[in-house]
Amino acid sequence: MDNNTKRVRRTSRPGSDSFGGDSGILNERVLVLVFESLKWDLHTLTAVAAVNRKLAAVAARLLWRELCLYRAPRMLATLTSGSIPSTAAPGGRIDGGWKALAKLMLFCCGYRGGGGGDGTGFPSPSNSPGHVAKASRFSKTSGRSFLAKKCRGDLLYVSDPCEHPAAEAGEDLGVYRGIFRGFMRSKTRAFLVKRGVRLEEKVRCPYCGARVWSMTAARLVPRSAARRLGSRDGGLEYFVCINGHLHGMCWLIPLSSSDEDRAEEEEDGESDGDDCEGKEENGSTSSSREDVMVK
């Protein structure tokens, strides 16, 4: 092989003229543009990531991150300490990985019945499978209601509960999820570690597969959480994994018309600065919440 051939091969390495890295894809920017034209369709991205290892690696490093940024830009800016992920280094990281965050934003994990104190599930006689949520709303204001007083300096996003009928119990179950910013440095984690709260043996995070703490076992469930969810005291449970993902369940109390009016007034009175701006289906924005839309 002569020197000219070596020179050509060296200068035409895949990805050398873009942010393709070592994936073997000539120009990953083209792949990003394709998904932008598809409005970052979740099902298409999942199918592409399952084609082979190279595409799975590109999805894990780049595509899931871009999907999260497209769905919830201001929420992502807050979670990454004000740095928009696309302007950071290509190897930008988030606790638990971008795929887990995308799943948390777009997927309701459902619940398993048959629990009741053993940490294996919520005390309901039935199960409800997980599903892609048509629309999810995350709020820092709601997140503050889930923080004990000693942990109020933390930042936590929590979704509105997804209602699951539980006919046997005569009440609906609400399934909700959330994420901490910088959980490794949070007061909540420091308190759990200092108190020596054990990780659950039989429960795993439905989003990243990591081990979890029960906030009930840790006695870190404030009454404000039940009020925020529209549940009764002692009628909820939630877990936080070592990566800062939160998932939980609660019994939902049926609201009267006066209760609904009062709840709407309370939400209208919340500070817009506490929540993120969301994308609506028509491209307009909502100033008080971050709406994660899935079609």
C-alpha atoms as a PDB file:
ATOM      1  CA  MET A   1       0.000   0.000   0.000  1.00  0.00           C
ATOM      2  CA  ASP A   2       1.549   3.323  -1.080  1.00  0.00           C
ATOM      3  CA  ASN A   3       1.640   6.521   0.951  1.00  0.00           C
ATOM      4  CA  ASN A   4      -1.101   8.205  -1.134  1.00  0.00           C
ATOM      5  CA  THR A   5      -3.557   5.397  -0.311  1.00  0.00           C
ATOM      6  CA  LYS A   6      -2.737   5.666   3.386  1.00  0.00           C
ATOM      7  CA  ARG A   7      -3.265   9.422   3.243  1.00  0.00           C
ATOM      8  CA  VAL A   8      -6.704   9.047   1.593  1.00  0.00           C
ATOM      9  CA  ARG A   9      -7.857   6.494   4.149  1.00  0.00           C
ATOM     10  CA  ARG A  10      -6.622   8.622   7.034  1.00  0.00           C
ATOM     11  CA  THR A  11      -8.477  11.751   5.877  1.00  0.00           C
ATOM     12  CA  SER A  12     -11.738   9.985   5.001  1.00  0.00           C
ATOM     13  CA  ARG A  13     -12.361   8.419   8.390  1.00  0.00           C
ATOM     14  CA  PRO A  14     -16.125   8.265   9.162  1.00  0.00           C
ATOM     15  CA  GLY A  15     -17.333  11.176  11.215  1.00  0.00           C
ATOM     16  CA  SER A  16     -14.161  13.229  10.797  1.00  0.00           C
ATOM     17  CA  ASP A  17     -16.097  16.104   9.189  1.00  0.00           C
ATOM     18  CA  SER A  18     -18.970  16.095  11.679  1.00  0.00           C
ATOM     19  CA  PHE A  19     -19.725  14.998  15.216  1.00  0.00           C
ATOM     20  CA  GLY A  20     -19.857  11.372  14.095  1.00  0.00           C
ATOM     21  CA  GLY A  21     -17.164  10.155  16.472  1.00  0.00           C
ATOM     22  CA  ASP A  22     -16.355   6.450  16.058  1.00  0.00           C
ATOM     23  CA  SER A  23     -19.896   5.274  15.326  1.00  0.00           C
ATOM     24  CA  GLY A  24     -19.140   4.394  11.710  1.00  0.00           C
ATOM     25  CA  ILE A  25     -21.916   6.717  10.485  1.00  0.00           C
ATOM     26  CA  LEU A  26     -20.544   9.220   7.964  1.00  0.00           C
ATOM     27  CA  ASN A  27     -22.504  12.188   9.256  1.00  0.00           C
ATOM     28  CA  GLU A  28     -24.587  11.935  12.403  1.00  0.00           C
ATOM     29  CA  ARG A  29     -25.907  15.426  11.777  1.00  0.00           C
ATOM     30  CA  VAL A  30     -27.921  14.001   8.879  1.00  0.00           C
ATOM     31  CA  LEU A  31     -29.466  11.480  11.273  1.00  0.00           C
ATOM     32  CA  VAL A  32     -30.387  14.308  13.652  1.00  0.00           C
ATOM     33  CA  LEU A  33     -32.000  16.263  10.804  1.00  0.00           C
ATOM     34  CA  VAL A  34     -34.065  13.231   9.833  1.00  0.00           C
ATOM     35  CA  PHE A  35     -35.417  12.918  13.367  1.00  0.00           C
ATOM     36  CA  GLU A  36     -36.059  16.647  13.526  1.00  0.00           C
ATOM     37  CA  SER A  37     -38.251  16.285  10.426  1.00  0.00           C
ATOM     38  CA  LEU A  38     -40.101  13.466  12.239  1.00  0.00           C
ATOM     39  CA  LYS A  39     -40.523  15.697  15.313  1.00  0.00           C
ATOM     40  CA  TRP A  40     -38.476  13.190  17.324  1.00  0.00           C
ATOM     41  CA  ASP A  41     -41.046  10.428  17.082  1.00  0.00           C
ATOM     42  CA  LEU A  42     -40.502   8.114  20.057  1.00  0.00           C
ATOM     43  CA  HIS A  43     -41.471   4.879  18.297  1.00  0.00           C
ATOM     44  CA  THR A  44     -39.181   5.544  15.328  1.00  0.00           C
ATOM     45  CA  LEU A  45     -36.225   6.358  17.554  1.00  0.00           C
ATOM     46  CA  THR A  46     -36.797   3.200  19.590  1.00  0.00           C
ATOM     47  CA  ALA A  47     -36.899   1.103  16.396  1.00  0.00           C
ATOM     48  CA  VAL A  48     -33.721   2.693  15.009  1.00  0.00           C
ATOM     49  CA  ALA A  49     -31.846   2.175  18.273  1.00  0.00           C
ATOM     50  CA  ALA A  50     -32.708  -1.533  18.117  1.00  0.00           C
ATOM     51  CA  VAL A  51     -31.219  -2.075  14.631  1.00  0.00           C
ATOM     52  CA  ASN A  52     -27.623  -2.735  15.716  1.00  0.00           C
ATOM     53  CA  ARG A  53     -25.022  -1.824  18.322  1.00  0.00           C
ATOM     54  CA  LYS A  54     -23.674   1.177  16.424  1.00  0.00           C
ATOM     55  CA  LEU A  55     -27.061   2.851  16.167  1.00  0.00           C
ATOM     56  CA  ALA A  56     -27.812   1.943  19.776  1.00  0.00           C
ATOM     57  CA  ALA A  57     -24.576   3.692  20.786  1.00  0.00           C
ATOM     58  CA  VAL A  58     -25.452   6.792  18.729  1.00  0.00           C
ATOM     59  CA  ALA A  59     -28.911   6.875  20.296  1.00  0.00           C
ATOM     60  CA  ALA A  60     -27.496   6.549  23.821  1.00  0.00           C
ATOM     61  CA  ARG A  61     -24.899   9.271  23.274  1.00  0.00           C
ATOM     62  CA  LEU A  62     -26.801  11.709  21.090  1.00  0.00           C
ATOM     63  CA  LEU A  63     -30.341  10.938  19.926  1.00  0.00           C
ATOM     64  CA  TRP A  64     -32.037  10.408  23.301  1.00  0.00           C
ATOM     65  CA  ARG A  65     -30.475  13.634  24.521  1.00  0.00           C
ATOM     66  CA  GLU A  66     -31.781  15.536  21.510  1.00  0.00           C
ATOM     67  CA  LEU A  67     -35.253  14.062  22.013  1.00  0.00           C
ATOM     68  CA  CYS A  68     -35.268  15.281  25.618  1.00  0.00           C
ATOM     69  CA  LEU A  69     -34.132  18.715  24.507  1.00  0.00           C
ATOM     70  CA  TYR A  70     -36.848  18.900  21.850  1.00  0.00           C
ATOM     71  CA  ARG A  71     -39.602  17.832  24.253  1.00  0.00           C
ATOM     72  CA  ALA A  72     -38.646  19.943  27.264  1.00  0.00           C
ATOM     73  CA  PRO A  73     -35.926  22.545  26.559  1.00  0.00           C
ATOM     74  CA  ARG A  74     -36.325  24.692  29.676  1.00  0.00           C
ATOM     75  CA  MET A  75     -36.693  21.707  31.964  1.00  0.00           C
ATOM     76  CA  LEU A  76     -33.444  20.321  30.509  1.00  0.00           C
ATOM     77  CA  ALA A  77     -31.728  23.675  30.965  1.00  0.00           C
ATOM     78  CA  THR A  78     -32.707  23.630  34.637  1.00  0.00           C
ATOM     79  CA  LEU A  79     -31.679  20.017  35.204  1.00  0.00           C
ATOM     80  CA  THR A  80     -28.272  20.673  33.679  1.00  0.00           C
ATOM     81  CA  SER A  81     -27.693  23.774  35.840  1.00  0.00           C
ATOM     82  CA  GLY A  82     -28.725  26.211  33.135  1.00  0.00           C
ATOM     83  CA  SER A  83     -26.557  24.743  30.378  1.00  0.00           C
ATOM     84  CA  ILE A  84     -28.575  23.682  27.328  1.00  0.00           C
ATOM     85  CA  PRO A  85     -27.350  20.142  26.517  1.00  0.00           C
ATOM     86  CA  SER A  86     -26.886  20.805  22.777  1.00  0.00           C
ATOM     87  CA  THR A  87     -24.383  23.580  23.518  1.00  0.00           C
ATOM     88  CA  ALA A  88     -22.376  21.415  25.908  1.00  0.00           C
ATOM     89  CA  ALA A  89     -19.671  18.954  24.969  1.00  0.00           C
ATOM     90  CA  PRO A  90     -20.897  16.104  22.726  1.00  0.00           C
ATOM     91  CA  GLY A  91     -20.165  13.660  25.535  1.00  0.00           C
ATOM     92  CA  GLY A  92     -22.477  15.474  27.981  1.00  0.00           C
ATOM     93  CA  ARG A  93     -23.861  13.249  30.729  1.00  0.00           C
ATOM     94  CA  ILE A  94     -26.857  13.176  33.015  1.00  0.00           C
ATOM     95  CA  ASP A  95     -27.353  10.859  35.978  1.00  0.00           C
ATOM     96  CA  GLY A  96     -28.906   7.603  34.812  1.00  0.00           C
ATOM     97  CA  GLY A  97     -28.376   8.388  31.125  1.00  0.00           C
ATOM     98  CA  TRP A  98     -30.403  10.197  28.482  1.00  0.00           C
ATOM     99  CA  LYS A  99     -32.474   7.174  27.518  1.00  0.00           C
ATOM    100  CA  ALA A 100     -33.705   6.785  31.105  1.00  0.00           C
ATOM    101  CA  LEU A 101     -34.595  10.488  31.253  1.00  0.00           C
ATOM    102  CA  ALA A 102     -36.493  10.266  27.957  1.00  0.00           C
ATOM    103  CA  LYS A 103     -38.411   7.265  29.273  1.00  0.00           C
ATOM    104  CA  LEU A 104     -39.239   9.095  32.502  1.00  0.00           C
ATOM    105  CA  MET A 105     -40.501  12.120  30.592  1.00  0.00           C
ATOM    106  CA  LEU A 106     -42.698  10.146  28.202  1.00  0.00           C
ATOM    107  CA  PHE A 107     -43.657   6.897  29.926  1.00  0.00           C
ATOM    108  CA  CYS A 108     -45.991   6.154  32.850  1.00  0.00           C
ATOM    109  CA  CYS A 109     -44.599   3.073  34.589  1.00  0.00           C
ATOM    110  CA  GLY A 110     -47.972   1.778  35.870  1.00  0.00           C
ATOM    111  CA  TYR A 111     -48.025  -0.200  39.098  1.00  0.00           C
ATOM    112  CA  ARG A 112     -47.941  -3.688  40.522  1.00  0.00           C
ATOM    113  CA  GLY A 113     -50.563  -4.725  43.035  1.00  0.00           C
ATOM    114  CA  GLY A 114     -50.149  -7.087  45.937  1.00  0.00           C
ATOM    115  CA  GLY A 115     -47.839  -4.884  47.996  1.00  0.00           C
ATOM    116  CA  GLY A 116     -48.839  -3.680  51.386  1.00  0.00           C
ATOM    117  CA  GLY A 117     -45.733  -3.131  53.428  1.00  0.00           C
ATOM    118  CA  ASP A 118     -43.237  -5.544  51.883  1.00  0.00           C
ATOM    119  CA  GLY A 119     -41.900  -3.032  49.369  1.00  0.00           C
ATOM    120  CA  THR A 120     -42.914  -5.106  46.330  1.00  0.00           C
ATOM    121  CA  GLY A 121     -45.799  -2.948  45.145  1.00  0.00           C
ATOM    122  CA  PHE A 122     -48.707  -0.732  46.093  1.00  0.00           C
ATOM    123  CA  PRO A 123     -51.469  -2.279  48.238  1.00  0.00           C
ATOM    124  CA  SER A 124     -53.942  -2.734  45.393  1.00  0.00           C
ATOM    125  CA  PRO A 125     -55.598  -6.016  44.405  1.00  0.00           C
ATOM    126  CA  SER A 126     -54.806  -5.501  40.706  1.00  0.00           C
ATOM    127  CA  ASN A 127     -52.011  -4.481  38.345  1.00  0.00           C
ATOM    128  CA  SER A 128     -51.919  -1.719  35.745  1.00  0.00           C
ATOM    129  CA  PRO A 129     -49.355  -1.883  32.916  1.00  0.00           C
ATOM    130  CA  GLY A 130     -47.112   1.002  31.945  1.00  0.00           C
ATOM    131  CA  HIS A 131     -47.863   3.041  28.838  1.00  0.00           C
ATOM    132  CA  VAL A 132     -46.663   5.980  26.782  1.00  0.00           C
ATOM    133  CA  ALA A 133     -48.322   9.104  28.154  1.00  0.00           C
ATOM    134  CA  LYS A 134     -50.180  11.237  25.617  1.00  0.00           C
ATOM    135  CA  ALA A 135     -49.124  14.347  27.526  1.00  0.00           C
ATOM    136  CA  SER A 136     -47.200  14.851  30.754  1.00  0.00           C
ATOM    137  CA  ARG A 137     -46.812  17.948  32.884  1.00  0.00           C
ATOM    138  CA  PHE A 138     -43.836  18.410  35.209  1.00  0.00           C
ATOM    139  CA  SER A 139     -43.552  21.133  37.830  1.00  0.00           C
ATOM    140  CA  LYS A 140     -40.940  22.377  40.293  1.00  0.00           C
ATOM    141  CA  THR A 141     -43.767  23.765  42.412  1.00  0.00           C
ATOM    142  CA  SER A 142     -45.187  20.259  42.759  1.00  0.00           C
ATOM    143  CA  GLY A 143     -41.687  18.963  43.437  1.00  0.00           C
ATOM    144  CA  ARG A 144     -41.281  21.231  46.458  1.00  0.00           C
ATOM    145  CA  SER A 145     -44.355  19.588  48.003  1.00  0.00           C
ATOM    146  CA  PHE A 146     -42.442  16.280  48.002  1.00  0.00           C
ATOM    147  CA  LEU A 147     -39.426  17.618  49.873  1.00  0.00           C
ATOM    148  CA  ALA A 148     -39.122  17.388  53.648  1.00  0.00           C
ATOM    149  CA  LYS A 149     -38.304  20.705  55.358  1.00  0.00           C
ATOM    150  CA  LYS A 150     -34.716  19.651  55.937  1.00  0.00           C
ATOM    151  CA  CYS A 151     -34.332  19.016  52.180  1.00  0.00           C
ATOM    152  CA  ARG A 152     -36.070  22.118  50.797  1.00  0.00           C
ATOM    153  CA  GLY A 153     -32.908  23.351  49.112  1.00  0.00           C
ATOM    154  CA  ASP A 154     -33.148  20.546  46.537  1.00  0.00           C
ATOM    155  CA  LEU A 155     -34.721  20.975  43.117  1.00  0.00           C
ATOM    156  CA  LEU A 156     -37.216  18.310  42.067  1.00  0.00           C
ATOM    157  CA  TYR A 157     -39.593  18.063  39.131  1.00  0.00           C
ATOM    158  CA  VAL A 158     -42.730  15.947  39.658  1.00  0.00           C
ATOM    159  CA  SER A 159     -45.425  15.093  37.132  1.00  0.00           C
ATOM    160  CA  ASP A 160     -49.163  15.304  37.598  1.00  0.00           C
ATOM    161  CA  PRO A 161     -50.540  11.874  38.532  1.00  0.00           C
ATOM    162  CA  CYS A 162     -51.718   9.610  35.728  1.00  0.00           C
ATOM    163  CA  GLU A 163     -55.101   8.177  36.719  1.00  0.00           C
ATOM    164  CA  HIS A 164     -55.556   4.398  36.660  1.00  0.00           C
ATOM    165  CA  PRO A 165     -58.992   2.963  37.515  1.00  0.00           C
ATOM    166  CA  ALA A 166     -58.972   0.468  40.392  1.00  0.00           C
ATOM    167  CA  ALA A 167     -62.544  -0.797  40.391  1.00  0.00           C
ATOM    168  CA  GLU A 168     -61.965  -3.337  43.164  1.00  0.00           C
ATOM    169  CA  ALA A 169     -60.871  -0.623  45.569  1.00  0.00           C
ATOM    170  CA  GLY A 170     -63.566   1.895  44.628  1.00  0.00           C
ATOM    171  CA  GLU A 171     -60.941   4.598  44.060  1.00  0.00           C
ATOM    172  CA  ASP A 172     -58.573   5.583  41.276  1.00  0.00           C
ATOM    173  CA  LEU A 173     -54.832   5.155  41.621  1.00  0.00           C
ATOM    174  CA  GLY A 174     -52.526   7.972  40.594  1.00  0.00           C
ATOM    175  CA  VAL A 175     -49.109   7.080  39.203  1.00  0.00           C
ATOM    176  CA  TYR A 176     -46.520   9.856  39.100  1.00  0.00           C
ATOM    177  CA  ARG A 177     -42.828  10.313  38.424  1.00  0.00           C
ATOM    178  CA  GLY A 178     -40.121  12.913  38.802  1.00  0.00           C
ATOM    179  CA  ILE A 179     -36.431  13.733  38.749  1.00  0.00           C
ATOM    180  CA  PHE A 180     -33.974  15.574  41.009  1.00  0.00           C
ATOM    181  CA  ARG A 181     -31.373  17.972  39.714  1.00  0.00           C
ATOM    182  CA  GLY A 182     -27.884  16.934  40.809  1.00  0.00           C
ATOM    183  CA  PHE A 183     -29.109  14.160  43.090  1.00  0.00           C
ATOM    184  CA  MET A 184     -25.591  13.056  44.069  1.00  0.00           C
ATOM    185  CA  ARG A 185     -25.094  16.463  45.752  1.00  0.00           C
ATOM    186  CA  SER A 186     -28.633  16.809  47.097  1.00  0.00           C
ATOM    187  CA  LYS A 187     -29.723  17.195  50.710  1.00  0.00           C
ATOM    188  CA  THR A 188     -32.177  14.342  50.235  1.00  0.00           C
ATOM    189  CA  ARG A 189     -29.448  11.866  49.326  1.00  0.00           C
ATOM    190  CA  ALA A 190     -27.176  13.136  52.091  1.00  0.00           C
ATOM    191  CA  PHE A 191     -29.971  12.619  54.615  1.00  0.00           C
ATOM    192  CA  LEU A 192     -30.699   9.092  53.367  1.00  0.00           C
ATOM    193  CA  VAL A 193     -27.037   8.143  53.579  1.00  0.00           C
ATOM    194  CA  LYS A 194     -26.484   9.777  56.964  1.00  0.00           C
ATOM    195  CA  ARG A 195     -29.531   8.063  58.449  1.00  0.00           C
ATOM    196  CA  GLY A 196     -28.396   4.737  57.002  1.00  0.00           C
ATOM    197  CA  VAL A 197     -31.652   4.051  55.161  1.00  0.00           C
ATOM    198  CA  ARG A 198     -31.346   0.751  53.347  1.00  0.00           C
ATOM    199  CA  LEU A 199     -31.978   0.351  49.657  1.00  0.00           C
ATOM    200  CA  GLU A 200     -35.015  -1.757  48.804  1.00  0.00           C
ATOM    201  CA  GLU A 201     -34.304  -5.390  47.973  1.00  0.00           C
ATOM    202  CA  LYS A 202     -37.255  -6.077  45.675  1.00  0.00           C
ATOM    203  CA  VAL A 203     -37.923  -2.754  43.978  1.00  0.00           C
ATOM    204  CA  ARG A 204     -35.969  -1.262  41.086  1.00  0.00           C
ATOM    205  CA  CYS A 205     -36.280   2.007  39.233  1.00  0.00           C
ATOM    206  CA  PRO A 206     -38.571   1.446  36.234  1.00  0.00           C
ATOM    207  CA  TYR A 207     -36.554   3.961  34.234  1.00  0.00           C
ATOM    208  CA  CYS A 208     -32.898   3.085  34.754  1.00  0.00           C
ATOM    209  CA  GLY A 209     -33.052  -0.216  36.657  1.00  0.00           C
ATOM    210  CA  ALA A 210     -31.086   1.106  39.646  1.00  0.00           C
ATOM    211  CA  ARG A 211     -31.848   0.327  43.278  1.00  0.00           C
ATOM    212  CA  VAL A 212     -34.188   2.634  45.174  1.00  0.00           C
ATOM    213  CA  TRP A 213     -34.946   4.049  48.600  1.00  0.00           C
ATOM    214  CA  SER A 214     -38.488   4.044  49.954  1.00  0.00           C
ATOM    215  CA  MET A 215     -39.348   7.530  51.115  1.00  0.00           C
ATOM    216  CA  THR A 216     -41.992   6.047  53.410  1.00  0.00           C
ATOM    217  CA  ALA A 217     -39.407   3.846  55.126  1.00  0.00           C
ATOM    218  CA  ALA A 218     -37.113   6.867  55.375  1.00  0.00           C
ATOM    219  CA  ARG A 219     -39.957   8.960  56.873  1.00  0.00           C
ATOM    220  CA  LEU A 220     -39.397  11.631  54.262  1.00  0.00           C
ATOM    221  CA  VAL A 221     -42.968  11.907  52.961  1.00  0.00           C
ATOM    222  CA  PRO A 222     -44.363  15.332  53.952  1.00  0.00           C
ATOM    223  CA  ARG A 223     -48.117  15.853  54.242  1.00  0.00           C
ATOM    224  CA  SER A 224     -47.913  18.477  51.538  1.00  0.00           C
ATOM    225  CA  ALA A 225     -47.260  15.697  48.995  1.00  0.00           C
ATOM    226  CA  ALA A 226     -50.672  14.119  49.643  1.00  0.00           C
ATOM    227  CA  ARG A 227     -52.379  17.509  49.415  1.00  0.00           C
ATOM    228  CA  ARG A 228     -50.636  18.291  46.146  1.00  0.00           C
ATOM    229  CA  LEU A 229     -51.646  14.954  44.607  1.00  0.00           C
ATOM    230  CA  GLY A 230     -55.225  15.095  45.850  1.00  0.00           C
ATOM    231  CA  SER A 231     -54.686  12.061  48.055  1.00  0.00           C
ATOM    232  CA  ARG A 232     -55.215  11.274  51.720  1.00  0.00           C
ATOM    233  CA  ASP A 233     -52.536  11.109  54.420  1.00  0.00           C
ATOM    234  CA  GLY A 234     -50.892   7.716  54.302  1.00  0.00           C
ATOM    235  CA  GLY A 235     -52.429   7.023  50.906  1.00  0.00           C
ATOM    236  CA  LEU A 236     -49.267   7.348  48.884  1.00  0.00           C
ATOM    237  CA  GLU A 237     -45.854   5.790  48.436  1.00  0.00           C
ATOM    238  CA  TYR A 238     -42.874   6.811  46.365  1.00  0.00           C
ATOM    239  CA  PHE A 239     -39.336   5.706  45.733  1.00  0.00           C
ATOM    240  CA  VAL A 240     -36.172   7.521  44.675  1.00  0.00           C
ATOM    241  CA  CYS A 241     -33.356   5.669  42.928  1.00  0.00           C
ATOM    242  CA  ILE A 242     -29.634   6.293  43.314  1.00  0.00           C
ATOM    243  CA  ASN A 243     -29.737   8.341  40.072  1.00  0.00           C
ATOM    244  CA  GLY A 244     -32.446  10.678  41.381  1.00  0.00           C
ATOM    245  CA  HIS A 245     -35.446   9.284  39.472  1.00  0.00           C
ATOM    246  CA  LEU A 246     -38.682   9.289  41.478  1.00  0.00           C
ATOM    247  CA  HIS A 247     -41.719   7.077  40.915  1.00  0.00           C
ATOM    248  CA  GLY A 248     -44.744   6.541  43.085  1.00  0.00           C
ATOM    249  CA  MET A 249     -48.423   5.755  43.493  1.00  0.00           C
ATOM    250  CA  CYS A 250     -51.309   7.248  45.471  1.00  0.00           C
ATOM    251  CA  TRP A 251     -55.020   6.835  46.074  1.00  0.00           C
ATOM    252  CA  LEU A 252     -56.882   9.738  44.468  1.00  0.00           C
ATOM    253  CA  ILE A 253     -59.748  11.285  46.377  1.00  0.00           C
ATOM    254  CA  PRO A 254     -62.691  12.260  44.121  1.00  0.00           C
ATOM    255  CA  LEU A 255     -62.962  16.052  44.011  1.00  0.00           C
ATOM    256  CA  SER A 256     -66.196  17.987  44.304  1.00  0.00           C
ATOM    257  CA  SER A 257     -66.814  20.916  41.950  1.00  0.00           C
ATOM    258  CA  SER A 258     -65.814  23.373  44.697  1.00  0.00           C
ATOM    259  CA  ASP A 259     -62.556  21.477  45.287  1.00  0.00           C
ATOM    260  CA  GLU A 260     -61.761  21.592  41.573  1.00  0.00           C
ATOM    261  CA  ASP A 261     -62.372  25.350  41.468  1.00  0.00           C
ATOM    262  CA  ARG A 262     -60.124  25.845  44.487  1.00  0.00           C
ATOM    263  CA  ALA A 263     -57.360  23.743  42.909  1.00  0.00           C
ATOM    264  CA  GLU A 264     -57.534  25.796  39.716  1.00  0.00           C
ATOM    265  CA  GLU A 265     -57.255  29.024  41.707  1.00  0.00           C
ATOM    266  CA  GLU A 266     -54.198  27.700  43.554  1.00  0.00           C
ATOM    267  CA  GLU A 267     -52.497  26.753  40.279  1.00  0.00           C
ATOM    268  CA  ASP A 268     -53.313  30.146  38.751  1.00  0.00           C
ATOM    269  CA  GLY A 269     -51.620  31.782  41.733  1.00  0.00           C
ATOM    270  CA  GLU A 270     -48.335  29.919  41.345  1.00  0.00           C
ATOM    271  CA  SER A 271     -45.282  31.818  40.216  1.00  0.00           C
ATOM    272  CA  ASP A 272     -44.529  31.336  36.534  1.00  0.00           C
ATOM    273  CA  GLY A 273     -40.832  31.336  37.318  1.00  0.00           C
ATOM    274  CA  ASP A 274     -41.136  28.095  39.240  1.00  0.00           C
ATOM    275  CA  ASP A 275     -42.137  26.049  36.229  1.00  0.00           C
ATOM    276  CA  CYS A 276     -40.879  25.647  32.712  1.00  0.00           C
ATOM    277  CA  GLU A 277     -42.274  26.888  29.465  1.00  0.00           C
ATOM    278  CA  GLY A 278     -43.926  24.089  27.509  1.00  0.00           C
ATOM    279  CA  LYS A 279     -44.544  23.324  23.847  1.00  0.00           C
ATOM    280  CA  GLU A 280     -48.145  22.876  22.843  1.00  0.00           C
ATOM    281  CA  GLU A 281     -49.212  20.890  19.779  1.00  0.00           C
ATOM    282  CA  ASN A 282     -49.716  24.069  17.753  1.00  0.00           C
ATOM    283  CA  GLY A 283     -46.241  25.363  18.599  1.00  0.00           C
ATOM    284  CA  SER A 284     -47.393  27.967  21.124  1.00  0.00           C
ATOM    285  CA  THR A 285     -46.018  28.102  24.645  1.00  0.00           C
ATOM    286  CA  SER A 286     -47.373  27.747  28.142  1.00  0.00           C
ATOM    287  CA  SER A 287     -45.703  30.010  30.688  1.00  0.00           C
ATOM    288  CA  SER A 288     -46.415  28.091  33.880  1.00  0.00           C
ATOM    289  CA  ARG A 289     -45.657  24.415  33.111  1.00  0.00           C
ATOM    290  CA  GLU A 290     -43.481  22.203  30.964  1.00  0.00           C
ATOM    291  CA  ASP A 291     -45.799  20.064  28.808  1.00  0.00           C
ATOM    292  CA  VAL A 292     -44.163  16.979  27.336  1.00  0.00           C
ATOM    293  CA  MET A 293     -46.242  16.114  24.287  1.00  0.00           C
ATOM    294  CA  VAL A 294     -46.248  12.664  22.681  1.00  0.00           C
ATOM    295  CA  LYS A 295     -48.212  11.976  19.480  1.00  0.00           C
END
